[in-house]
N, C-alpha and C. Protein backbone atom coordinates (compact mmCIF):
# COMPACT_ATOMS: atom_id res chain seq x y z
N MET A 1 15.55 18.94 -0.38
CA MET A 1 14.82 18.22 -1.95
C MET A 1 14.07 18.09 -1.81
N PHE A 2 13.86 17.19 -2.67
CA PHE A 2 11.97 17.09 -3.05
C PHE A 2 10.94 16.24 -1.94
N GLN A 3 11.65 15.72 -1.07
CA GLN A 3 10.91 15.16 0.08
C GLN A 3 9.60 15.87 0.66
N HIS A 4 10.16 17.29 0.70
CA HIS A 4 9.08 17.74 1.94
C HIS A 4 7.98 18.07 0.76
N LYS A 5 8.12 17.86 0.08
CA LYS A 5 6.44 17.92 -1.11
C LYS A 5 5.35 17.15 -0.25
N PHE A 6 5.95 15.74 0.33
CA PHE A 6 5.31 14.69 1.15
C PHE A 6 5.10 14.79 2.56
N LYS A 7 5.78 16.02 3.11
CA LYS A 7 5.87 15.85 4.03
C LYS A 7 4.39 15.71 5.01
N ASN A 8 3.02 16.48 4.35
CA ASN A 8 1.79 16.47 5.07
C ASN A 8 1.06 15.70 4.06
N LYS A 9 1.69 14.98 3.33
CA LYS A 9 0.78 13.59 2.55
C LYS A 9 1.33 12.21 3.38
N ASN A 10 -0.32 11.30 3.15
CA ASN A 10 -0.50 10.35 3.78
C ASN A 10 -0.24 9.34 2.51
N ILE A 11 1.02 8.84 1.85
CA ILE A 11 1.07 8.19 1.07
C ILE A 11 0.47 6.79 1.29
N ILE A 12 -0.42 5.92 0.22
CA ILE A 12 -1.08 4.56 0.84
C ILE A 12 -0.28 3.79 -0.65
N LEU A 13 0.37 2.57 -0.76
CA LEU A 13 0.36 1.68 -1.72
C LEU A 13 -0.60 0.57 -1.86
N ALA A 14 -1.35 0.62 -2.36
CA ALA A 14 -2.42 -0.50 -2.22
C ALA A 14 -1.90 -1.73 -3.17
N SER A 15 -0.76 -2.34 -2.82
CA SER A 15 -0.76 -3.26 -3.34
C SER A 15 0.15 -4.13 -2.34
N ALA A 16 -0.08 -5.87 -2.84
CA ALA A 16 0.38 -6.79 -2.57
C ALA A 16 1.80 -7.05 -2.33
N SER A 17 2.31 -6.79 -3.99
CA SER A 17 3.37 -7.27 -4.61
C SER A 17 4.31 -6.52 -3.75
N PRO A 18 5.54 -7.42 -3.38
CA PRO A 18 6.64 -7.42 -2.76
C PRO A 18 7.73 -6.34 -4.08
N ARG A 19 7.56 -6.94 -5.00
CA ARG A 19 8.16 -6.01 -6.02
C ARG A 19 7.89 -4.82 -6.00
N ARG A 20 6.46 -4.43 -6.07
CA ARG A 20 6.07 -2.84 -5.63
C ARG A 20 6.35 -2.15 -4.67
N LYS A 21 6.58 -2.55 -4.00
CA LYS A 21 7.35 -2.31 -2.12
C LYS A 21 8.71 -2.14 -2.47
N ALA A 22 8.76 -2.92 -3.08
CA ALA A 22 10.17 -2.32 -3.20
C ALA A 22 10.95 -1.43 -3.89
N LEU A 23 10.20 -1.34 -5.48
CA LEU A 23 10.45 -0.41 -6.09
C LEU A 23 10.21 1.59 -5.51
N PHE A 24 8.60 0.86 -5.01
CA PHE A 24 8.17 2.78 -4.10
C PHE A 24 9.41 2.44 -3.34
N GLY A 25 9.73 2.48 -2.78
CA GLY A 25 10.47 2.17 -1.74
C GLY A 25 11.70 2.82 -1.81
N GLU A 26 12.38 2.77 -3.00
CA GLU A 26 13.55 2.91 -3.67
C GLU A 26 13.34 4.49 -3.67
N LEU A 27 12.21 5.03 -3.97
CA LEU A 27 11.90 6.70 -4.36
C LEU A 27 11.99 7.42 -2.99
N LYS A 28 12.42 6.72 -1.76
CA LYS A 28 12.46 6.98 -0.93
C LYS A 28 11.80 8.13 -0.44
N ILE A 29 10.34 8.08 -0.62
CA ILE A 29 9.07 8.70 0.17
C ILE A 29 8.25 7.78 0.69
N PRO A 30 8.14 8.43 2.37
CA PRO A 30 7.44 7.70 3.15
C PRO A 30 6.43 7.14 2.81
N PHE A 31 5.90 5.98 2.74
CA PHE A 31 4.35 5.63 2.47
C PHE A 31 3.85 3.84 3.27
N THR A 32 2.81 3.63 3.12
CA THR A 32 2.30 2.72 4.15
C THR A 32 1.55 1.34 3.36
N VAL A 33 1.59 0.42 3.44
CA VAL A 33 0.84 -0.43 2.64
C VAL A 33 -0.71 -0.98 3.12
N GLN A 34 -1.47 -0.88 2.10
CA GLN A 34 -3.05 -1.08 2.66
C GLN A 34 -3.08 -1.46 1.36
N VAL A 35 -3.84 -3.19 1.76
CA VAL A 35 -4.52 -3.49 0.34
C VAL A 35 -6.18 -3.95 0.80
N LYS A 36 -6.90 -3.65 -0.25
CA LYS A 36 -8.51 -4.24 -0.34
C LYS A 36 -8.74 -5.30 -1.14
N ASN A 37 -9.35 -6.25 -0.80
CA ASN A 37 -9.30 -7.53 -1.72
C ASN A 37 -10.43 -6.84 -2.88
N ILE A 38 -10.22 -7.08 -3.78
CA ILE A 38 -11.46 -7.26 -4.93
C ILE A 38 -11.37 -8.25 -5.56
N ASP A 39 -12.75 -8.30 -6.47
CA ASP A 39 -12.51 -9.10 -7.78
C ASP A 39 -12.00 -8.57 -8.99
N GLU A 40 -11.30 -8.97 -9.33
CA GLU A 40 -10.28 -8.25 -10.74
C GLU A 40 -10.94 -8.80 -11.87
N LYS A 41 -12.33 -8.83 -12.31
CA LYS A 41 -12.82 -9.55 -13.42
C LYS A 41 -12.71 -7.93 -14.28
N TYR A 42 -12.82 -8.12 -15.55
CA TYR A 42 -12.98 -7.14 -16.55
C TYR A 42 -13.88 -8.07 -17.66
N ASN A 43 -14.45 -6.65 -18.58
CA ASN A 43 -15.13 -7.12 -19.55
C ASN A 43 -14.47 -7.79 -20.54
N ALA A 44 -14.25 -8.94 -21.59
CA ALA A 44 -13.60 -9.61 -22.16
C ALA A 44 -13.20 -8.50 -23.27
N SER A 45 -14.19 -7.58 -23.68
CA SER A 45 -13.66 -6.84 -24.78
C SER A 45 -12.86 -6.22 -24.57
N LEU A 46 -12.18 -5.57 -23.49
CA LEU A 46 -11.41 -4.70 -23.12
C LEU A 46 -10.21 -5.15 -23.50
N LYS A 47 -8.75 -4.21 -24.43
CA LYS A 47 -7.80 -4.71 -24.85
C LYS A 47 -6.54 -4.13 -24.72
N GLU A 48 -5.25 -4.87 -24.03
CA GLU A 48 -4.11 -3.84 -23.81
C GLU A 48 -4.30 -3.05 -22.85
N GLU A 49 -3.92 -1.47 -22.48
CA GLU A 49 -4.06 -0.88 -21.47
C GLU A 49 -5.63 -0.43 -21.25
N GLU A 50 -6.50 -0.77 -21.68
CA GLU A 50 -7.92 -0.74 -21.65
C GLU A 50 -7.98 -1.54 -19.78
N ILE A 51 -7.60 -2.51 -20.05
CA ILE A 51 -7.51 -3.99 -19.21
C ILE A 51 -7.16 -3.21 -17.96
N THR A 52 -5.67 -2.59 -17.87
CA THR A 52 -4.27 -2.52 -16.73
C THR A 52 -5.68 -0.95 -15.84
N ASN A 53 -5.68 -0.43 -16.80
CA ASN A 53 -6.59 0.84 -16.65
C ASN A 53 -7.46 0.56 -15.90
N PHE A 54 -8.06 -0.24 -16.16
CA PHE A 54 -9.75 -0.61 -15.79
C PHE A 54 -9.59 -1.34 -14.40
N LEU A 55 -8.46 -2.25 -14.36
CA LEU A 55 -8.14 -3.01 -12.92
C LEU A 55 -7.54 -1.70 -11.81
N ALA A 56 -6.91 -0.94 -12.30
CA ALA A 56 -5.96 0.03 -11.74
C ALA A 56 -6.72 0.81 -11.09
N THR A 57 -8.08 1.62 -11.54
CA THR A 57 -9.21 2.01 -11.58
C THR A 57 -10.11 1.60 -10.45
N LEU A 58 -10.31 0.11 -10.75
CA LEU A 58 -10.91 -0.98 -9.66
C LEU A 58 -10.56 -1.13 -8.20
N LYS A 59 -9.47 -0.96 -8.63
CA LYS A 59 -8.36 -0.87 -7.12
C LYS A 59 -8.85 0.44 -6.12
N ALA A 60 -8.58 1.39 -6.80
CA ALA A 60 -8.61 2.23 -6.49
C ALA A 60 -10.16 2.84 -6.08
N ASN A 61 -11.34 2.82 -6.76
CA ASN A 61 -12.23 2.87 -6.23
C ASN A 61 -12.71 1.90 -5.05
N ALA A 62 -11.95 1.30 -4.50
CA ALA A 62 -12.38 0.16 -3.55
C ALA A 62 -11.86 1.44 -2.17
N PHE A 63 -11.32 2.28 -2.04
CA PHE A 63 -10.63 3.33 -0.91
C PHE A 63 -11.99 4.40 -1.15
N LYS A 64 -13.23 4.40 -0.01
CA LYS A 64 -14.49 5.30 0.05
C LYS A 64 -13.55 6.07 0.79
N ASN A 65 -14.42 7.35 0.40
CA ASN A 65 -14.06 8.32 2.12
C ASN A 65 -12.23 8.61 2.13
N ILE A 66 -11.54 9.04 1.49
CA ILE A 66 -10.02 9.12 1.76
C ILE A 66 -10.24 10.60 2.17
N ALA A 67 -9.47 10.79 3.07
CA ALA A 67 -8.89 11.96 3.74
C ALA A 67 -8.05 13.15 3.00
N THR A 68 -8.00 14.65 3.02
CA THR A 68 -7.48 15.27 2.21
C THR A 68 -6.31 15.26 2.16
N ASN A 69 -5.43 14.39 2.79
CA ASN A 69 -4.18 14.40 2.66
C ASN A 69 -3.47 13.09 2.54
N ASP A 70 -4.61 12.34 2.20
CA ASP A 70 -4.53 10.84 1.53
C ASP A 70 -3.89 11.02 0.04
N VAL A 71 -3.01 10.02 -0.44
CA VAL A 71 -2.58 9.47 -1.65
C VAL A 71 -2.39 8.34 -1.68
N VAL A 72 -4.04 7.68 -2.61
CA VAL A 72 -4.10 6.27 -2.83
C VAL A 72 -3.11 5.88 -4.12
N ILE A 73 -2.60 5.12 -4.22
CA ILE A 73 -1.85 4.82 -5.25
C ILE A 73 -2.35 3.15 -5.65
N THR A 74 -2.80 2.44 -6.75
CA THR A 74 -2.82 1.25 -6.95
C THR A 74 -2.32 1.07 -8.30
N ALA A 75 -2.32 -0.38 -9.15
CA ALA A 75 -1.42 -0.79 -10.18
C ALA A 75 -1.99 -1.65 -10.22
N ASP A 76 -1.55 -2.35 -11.87
CA ASP A 76 -1.86 -3.54 -12.34
C ASP A 76 -1.13 -4.10 -13.44
N THR A 77 -0.66 -4.88 -13.78
CA THR A 77 -0.02 -5.46 -14.70
C THR A 77 -0.52 -6.68 -15.50
N ILE A 78 0.07 -6.25 -17.05
CA ILE A 78 -0.39 -7.87 -17.45
C ILE A 78 0.29 -7.60 -18.79
N VAL A 79 0.55 -9.22 -19.05
CA VAL A 79 1.84 -9.29 -20.08
C VAL A 79 0.45 -9.60 -21.55
N TRP A 80 1.04 -8.96 -22.83
CA TRP A 80 0.05 -9.20 -23.94
C TRP A 80 0.58 -9.94 -24.96
N HIS A 81 0.00 -11.02 -25.46
CA HIS A 81 0.91 -11.83 -26.28
C HIS A 81 -0.43 -11.85 -27.28
N HIS A 82 0.53 -12.51 -28.27
CA HIS A 82 -1.09 -12.74 -29.27
C HIS A 82 -2.30 -12.34 -29.20
N ASN A 83 -2.61 -11.05 -28.90
CA ASN A 83 -3.72 -10.69 -29.02
C ASN A 83 -4.43 -10.67 -27.75
N ALA A 84 -3.57 -11.06 -26.65
CA ALA A 84 -4.34 -11.92 -25.43
C ALA A 84 -3.63 -11.75 -23.95
N ALA A 85 -4.86 -11.30 -22.99
CA ALA A 85 -3.88 -11.25 -22.05
C ALA A 85 -3.64 -12.32 -21.56
N ILE A 86 -1.98 -12.43 -20.72
CA ILE A 86 -1.93 -13.55 -20.30
C ILE A 86 -1.70 -12.76 -18.28
N GLU A 87 -2.32 -13.03 -17.63
CA GLU A 87 -2.40 -13.11 -16.44
C GLU A 87 -1.28 -14.13 -15.50
N LYS A 88 -1.95 -14.24 -14.17
CA LYS A 88 -0.59 -15.36 -13.22
C LYS A 88 -1.15 -16.53 -13.39
N PRO A 89 0.02 -17.20 -13.97
CA PRO A 89 -0.30 -18.69 -13.79
C PRO A 89 -1.10 -19.61 -12.60
N SER A 90 -1.95 -20.44 -12.86
CA SER A 90 -2.88 -21.21 -11.60
C SER A 90 -1.88 -22.50 -11.25
N SER A 91 -0.66 -22.85 -11.82
CA SER A 91 -0.56 -23.73 -11.69
C SER A 91 1.00 -24.22 -12.27
N LYS A 92 2.13 -24.54 -11.91
CA LYS A 92 3.35 -24.92 -12.37
C LYS A 92 3.08 -25.04 -13.75
N LYS A 93 2.05 -26.57 -14.40
CA LYS A 93 2.26 -26.62 -15.79
C LYS A 93 1.52 -25.49 -16.74
N GLN A 94 1.00 -24.83 -15.88
CA GLN A 94 0.25 -23.44 -16.80
C GLN A 94 1.63 -22.56 -16.97
N ALA A 95 2.39 -22.35 -15.88
CA ALA A 95 3.47 -21.48 -16.10
C ALA A 95 4.57 -22.13 -17.25
N ILE A 96 4.69 -23.06 -17.46
CA ILE A 96 5.51 -24.16 -18.05
C ILE A 96 4.92 -23.65 -19.39
N GLU A 97 3.70 -23.73 -20.07
CA GLU A 97 3.25 -23.38 -20.85
C GLU A 97 2.98 -22.11 -21.79
N ILE A 98 2.78 -21.29 -20.53
CA ILE A 98 3.05 -19.95 -20.62
C ILE A 98 4.06 -19.57 -20.90
N LEU A 99 5.36 -20.36 -20.35
CA LEU A 99 6.83 -19.42 -21.09
C LEU A 99 7.33 -20.17 -22.53
N LYS A 100 6.34 -21.31 -22.53
CA LYS A 100 6.70 -21.96 -24.08
C LYS A 100 6.49 -21.20 -24.99
N SER A 101 5.19 -20.21 -24.96
CA SER A 101 4.43 -19.72 -25.84
C SER A 101 5.30 -18.22 -25.54
N LEU A 102 5.65 -17.81 -24.83
CA LEU A 102 6.87 -16.24 -25.02
C LEU A 102 7.96 -16.53 -25.68
N SER A 103 8.32 -17.57 -25.52
CA SER A 103 10.01 -18.04 -25.77
C SER A 103 9.98 -17.89 -27.46
N GLY A 104 11.09 -17.47 -27.78
CA GLY A 104 11.15 -16.93 -29.04
C GLY A 104 10.19 -16.12 -29.65
N THR A 105 9.71 -15.19 -29.08
CA THR A 105 8.72 -13.94 -29.23
C THR A 105 8.85 -12.62 -28.50
N THR A 106 8.42 -11.68 -29.42
CA THR A 106 8.13 -10.89 -28.49
C THR A 106 7.05 -10.07 -27.57
N HIS A 107 6.63 -9.69 -26.67
CA HIS A 107 5.33 -9.36 -25.93
C HIS A 107 5.32 -8.22 -25.60
N LYS A 108 4.30 -7.93 -24.85
CA LYS A 108 4.50 -6.53 -24.47
C LYS A 108 3.84 -6.66 -22.50
N VAL A 109 4.73 -5.86 -22.01
CA VAL A 109 4.30 -5.68 -20.83
C VAL A 109 3.50 -4.56 -20.59
N ILE A 110 2.50 -4.55 -19.73
CA ILE A 110 1.62 -3.07 -19.63
C ILE A 110 1.63 -2.91 -18.33
N THR A 111 1.70 -1.67 -17.87
CA THR A 111 1.10 -1.47 -16.12
C THR A 111 0.81 -0.24 -16.21
N SER A 112 -0.38 -0.30 -15.55
CA SER A 112 -1.30 1.26 -14.99
C SER A 112 -1.25 1.22 -13.81
N VAL A 113 -1.59 2.53 -13.51
CA VAL A 113 -1.31 3.31 -11.73
C VAL A 113 -2.36 4.10 -11.68
N CYS A 114 -3.14 4.02 -10.84
CA CYS A 114 -4.34 5.23 -10.87
C CYS A 114 -3.26 6.02 -9.14
N ILE A 115 -3.38 7.08 -9.09
CA ILE A 115 -3.18 7.72 -8.11
C ILE A 115 -4.61 8.67 -7.51
N LYS A 116 -5.11 8.22 -6.64
CA LYS A 116 -6.42 8.76 -6.28
C LYS A 116 -6.17 9.55 -4.79
N THR A 117 -6.97 11.25 -5.10
CA THR A 117 -6.65 11.60 -3.83
C THR A 117 -8.40 12.13 -3.55
N SER A 118 -8.57 13.23 -2.50
CA SER A 118 -9.96 13.41 -2.00
C SER A 118 -10.29 13.89 -3.38
N THR A 119 -9.79 14.91 -3.87
CA THR A 119 -10.67 15.49 -5.41
C THR A 119 -10.49 15.34 -6.57
N GLY A 120 -10.08 13.47 -6.37
CA GLY A 120 -9.80 13.06 -8.05
C GLY A 120 -8.70 12.18 -8.39
N GLN A 121 -9.12 11.63 -9.16
CA GLN A 121 -7.48 10.56 -9.65
C GLN A 121 -7.17 10.28 -10.79
N LYS A 122 -5.47 10.05 -10.93
CA LYS A 122 -5.37 9.93 -12.95
C LYS A 122 -4.82 8.43 -12.49
N VAL A 123 -4.92 8.17 -14.26
CA VAL A 123 -4.96 6.94 -14.44
C VAL A 123 -3.75 6.80 -15.48
N PHE A 124 -2.49 6.47 -15.86
CA PHE A 124 -1.75 6.62 -16.57
C PHE A 124 -1.04 5.39 -17.01
N HIS A 125 -0.46 4.80 -18.35
CA HIS A 125 0.06 3.22 -17.89
C HIS A 125 1.30 3.14 -19.04
N ASP A 126 2.31 2.56 -18.94
CA ASP A 126 3.61 2.12 -19.58
C ASP A 126 3.48 0.72 -20.36
N THR A 127 4.13 0.96 -21.28
CA THR A 127 4.21 -0.05 -22.33
C THR A 127 5.41 -0.50 -22.24
N THR A 128 6.31 -2.13 -22.27
CA THR A 128 7.89 -2.56 -22.47
C THR A 128 7.36 -3.74 -23.03
N LYS A 129 8.63 -3.41 -24.61
CA LYS A 129 8.12 -4.88 -24.74
C LYS A 129 9.65 -5.58 -24.84
N VAL A 130 9.38 -6.92 -24.39
CA VAL A 130 9.98 -7.64 -23.88
C VAL A 130 10.35 -9.18 -25.15
N HIS A 131 11.98 -8.89 -25.30
CA HIS A 131 12.13 -10.53 -26.15
C HIS A 131 12.88 -11.30 -25.91
N PHE A 132 11.93 -12.36 -25.75
CA PHE A 132 12.31 -13.72 -25.60
C PHE A 132 13.71 -14.54 -26.74
N LYS A 133 14.40 -14.57 -25.58
CA LYS A 133 15.46 -15.45 -27.11
C LYS A 133 14.33 -17.18 -26.84
N GLN A 134 14.61 -17.91 -27.90
CA GLN A 134 14.52 -19.34 -27.61
C GLN A 134 14.91 -19.71 -26.61
N LEU A 135 14.01 -20.14 -26.20
CA LEU A 135 14.12 -21.26 -24.64
C LEU A 135 13.85 -22.66 -24.51
N GLN A 136 15.12 -23.03 -24.22
CA GLN A 136 15.15 -24.70 -23.60
C GLN A 136 13.59 -25.67 -23.51
N LEU A 137 12.84 -26.23 -23.12
CA LEU A 137 12.57 -26.70 -22.23
C LEU A 137 13.22 -26.88 -20.81
N GLU A 138 14.41 -27.41 -21.05
CA GLU A 138 14.99 -27.99 -19.77
C GLU A 138 15.39 -26.36 -19.14
N GLU A 139 15.16 -25.53 -19.35
CA GLU A 139 15.82 -23.82 -18.80
C GLU A 139 14.16 -23.29 -18.62
N ILE A 140 13.19 -23.67 -19.01
CA ILE A 140 11.63 -23.38 -18.87
C ILE A 140 11.44 -24.15 -17.29
N THR A 141 11.78 -25.83 -17.39
CA THR A 141 11.06 -26.41 -16.36
C THR A 141 12.11 -26.32 -14.94
N TYR A 142 13.32 -25.64 -14.79
CA TYR A 142 14.25 -25.40 -14.31
C TYR A 142 13.92 -23.82 -13.18
N TYR A 143 13.73 -23.08 -14.12
CA TYR A 143 13.17 -21.84 -13.70
C TYR A 143 11.87 -21.87 -13.27
N VAL A 144 10.65 -23.01 -13.38
CA VAL A 144 9.30 -22.90 -12.69
C VAL A 144 10.00 -23.75 -11.36
N ASP A 145 10.16 -24.82 -11.39
CA ASP A 145 10.76 -25.41 -10.57
C ASP A 145 11.83 -25.01 -9.32
N THR A 146 12.42 -23.84 -9.49
CA THR A 146 13.33 -23.59 -8.76
C THR A 146 12.57 -21.78 -8.14
N PHE A 147 11.70 -21.25 -8.91
CA PHE A 147 11.44 -19.78 -8.84
C PHE A 147 10.17 -19.82 -8.51
N MET A 148 9.57 -20.58 -8.76
CA MET A 148 7.36 -20.80 -8.76
C MET A 148 6.96 -19.16 -8.88
N PRO A 149 7.07 -18.81 -10.30
CA PRO A 149 6.65 -17.76 -10.83
C PRO A 149 5.18 -17.66 -10.67
N LEU A 150 4.17 -18.51 -9.90
CA LEU A 150 3.10 -18.09 -10.18
C LEU A 150 2.18 -16.93 -9.43
N ASP A 151 3.32 -16.22 -9.26
CA ASP A 151 2.52 -14.92 -8.70
C ASP A 151 2.67 -13.86 -9.19
N LYS A 152 3.21 -13.87 -10.64
CA LYS A 152 3.94 -13.49 -11.54
C LYS A 152 3.01 -13.24 -13.02
N ALA A 153 2.14 -12.03 -13.44
CA ALA A 153 1.88 -11.83 -14.53
C ALA A 153 2.90 -12.79 -15.74
N GLY A 154 2.61 -13.38 -16.85
CA GLY A 154 2.90 -13.99 -17.81
C GLY A 154 3.99 -15.13 -17.45
N ALA A 155 3.82 -15.74 -15.93
CA ALA A 155 4.66 -16.59 -15.51
C ALA A 155 6.00 -16.36 -15.25
N TYR A 156 6.73 -14.87 -15.41
CA TYR A 156 8.16 -14.95 -14.60
C TYR A 156 8.27 -13.60 -14.34
N GLY A 157 9.43 -13.37 -13.87
CA GLY A 157 10.56 -12.23 -13.20
C GLY A 157 11.16 -11.68 -14.11
N ILE A 158 11.38 -11.00 -14.71
CA ILE A 158 12.48 -10.39 -15.52
C ILE A 158 13.73 -10.44 -14.54
N GLN A 159 13.50 -9.91 -13.31
CA GLN A 159 14.94 -9.57 -12.07
C GLN A 159 15.17 -10.80 -11.52
N GLU A 160 14.76 -12.03 -11.94
CA GLU A 160 14.77 -13.31 -11.90
C GLU A 160 16.30 -14.09 -12.68
N TRP A 161 16.19 -15.44 -12.40
CA TRP A 161 17.15 -16.18 -13.59
C TRP A 161 16.51 -16.41 -14.81
N ILE A 162 15.57 -16.24 -15.20
CA ILE A 162 15.00 -16.24 -16.77
C ILE A 162 15.16 -14.87 -17.21
N GLY A 163 15.05 -13.94 -16.45
CA GLY A 163 15.52 -12.73 -17.29
C GLY A 163 17.05 -12.57 -17.65
N TYR A 164 17.64 -13.52 -16.52
CA TYR A 164 19.10 -13.18 -17.28
C TYR A 164 19.63 -13.59 -18.03
N ILE A 165 19.05 -15.17 -18.69
CA ILE A 165 19.38 -15.99 -19.88
C ILE A 165 18.25 -15.83 -20.59
N GLY A 166 17.23 -15.21 -20.49
CA GLY A 166 16.21 -15.35 -21.95
C GLY A 166 15.83 -14.19 -22.27
N VAL A 167 16.14 -13.07 -21.92
CA VAL A 167 15.68 -11.78 -22.22
C VAL A 167 16.79 -11.05 -22.82
N PRO A 168 17.28 -11.18 -24.08
CA PRO A 168 18.41 -10.04 -24.90
C PRO A 168 18.09 -9.01 -24.74
N LYS A 169 16.74 -8.28 -24.73
CA LYS A 169 16.29 -7.07 -25.06
C LYS A 169 15.33 -6.92 -24.97
N ILE A 170 15.21 -5.41 -24.21
CA ILE A 170 13.74 -4.95 -24.06
C ILE A 170 13.77 -3.42 -24.37
N GLU A 171 12.73 -3.19 -24.99
CA GLU A 171 12.13 -2.11 -25.51
C GLU A 171 11.35 -1.10 -24.34
N GLY A 172 12.16 -0.57 -23.76
CA GLY A 172 10.77 0.16 -22.54
C GLY A 172 11.56 0.37 -21.03
N SER A 173 10.62 0.81 -20.01
CA SER A 173 11.24 0.83 -18.72
C SER A 173 11.33 -0.34 -18.34
N TYR A 174 12.77 -1.10 -18.03
CA TYR A 174 12.61 -2.11 -17.06
C TYR A 174 11.79 -2.42 -15.38
N PHE A 175 11.75 -1.43 -14.75
CA PHE A 175 11.14 -1.37 -14.02
C PHE A 175 9.70 -1.67 -14.13
N ASN A 176 8.97 -0.50 -15.13
CA ASN A 176 7.43 -1.32 -15.83
C ASN A 176 7.33 -3.00 -15.62
N VAL A 177 8.62 -3.75 -16.40
CA VAL A 177 8.39 -4.98 -16.48
C VAL A 177 8.13 -5.56 -15.12
N MET A 178 8.84 -4.75 -14.24
CA MET A 178 8.93 -5.70 -12.54
C MET A 178 7.37 -5.01 -12.14
N GLY A 179 6.78 -4.40 -12.75
CA GLY A 179 5.43 -4.07 -12.26
C GLY A 179 4.91 -2.73 -11.58
N LEU A 180 6.21 -1.81 -12.12
CA LEU A 180 5.78 -0.02 -11.88
C LEU A 180 6.80 0.52 -12.21
N PRO A 181 6.03 1.47 -13.01
CA PRO A 181 6.47 2.14 -14.11
C PRO A 181 6.89 3.31 -13.09
N VAL A 182 8.08 3.55 -12.21
CA VAL A 182 8.81 4.29 -11.45
C VAL A 182 9.14 5.53 -11.80
N HIS A 183 9.41 5.67 -13.01
CA HIS A 183 9.75 6.93 -13.64
C HIS A 183 8.26 8.06 -13.82
N LYS A 184 7.39 7.13 -14.63
CA LYS A 184 6.20 8.12 -14.17
C LYS A 184 5.72 8.19 -12.93
N LEU A 185 5.58 7.33 -12.35
CA LEU A 185 4.63 7.63 -10.94
C LEU A 185 5.51 8.94 -10.25
N TYR A 186 6.81 9.02 -10.39
CA TYR A 186 7.19 9.70 -9.65
C TYR A 186 7.07 11.44 -10.17
N GLU A 187 6.79 11.31 -11.78
CA GLU A 187 6.73 12.78 -12.09
C GLU A 187 5.31 12.85 -11.84
N GLU A 188 4.57 12.05 -11.84
CA GLU A 188 2.94 12.29 -11.30
C GLU A 188 3.15 12.95 -10.05
N LEU A 189 3.85 11.89 -8.94
CA LEU A 189 3.67 12.21 -7.94
C LEU A 189 4.12 14.18 -7.41
N ILE A 190 5.48 14.20 -8.35
CA ILE A 190 5.80 15.41 -7.82
C ILE A 190 4.80 16.57 -8.38
N LYS A 191 3.84 16.14 -8.67
CA LYS A 191 2.81 17.40 -9.39
C LYS A 191 1.91 17.89 -8.17
N LEU A 192 1.99 16.56 -7.22
CA LEU A 192 0.84 16.71 -6.27
C LEU A 192 0.78 18.28 -5.46
């Protein structure tokens, strides 16, 4: 099968996200996780995938002097709503406010991935439109109190309760909303 392509590769997933680790694991390609701490700041003039492309590249650039068989994979996800990036909430109160603003509207989830090798790097992105029903404050509060989505862009995980009851439709990749456009990543990896 395709696994022979990766026999001599050292695949490094540079992400602390348990969701990205689980999704990448489903590709059945051997990998290790290695995370470098970086300051994820970007210029306020950047918009949509410009932000995630920049941050995924910034994360990849933290890996210096990589070996010829190393393949470093970094990713970054944002929610884009009302012409602004919505990142991870810093408190339960902020998570509730974010979900109130997403309620009854459509937003974009944008994930960029950077694949870095000793010979260069490639950045690509995927965008999914997520439609939220009109959520009741009681539903939002229950979700935030129960699932504590403070580690998630946009203050929600589509694979959790809020996704089951609050998302009637998406346009694009479901896994992209979870933080990794696995179909695009696989296509790029088999080209290596």
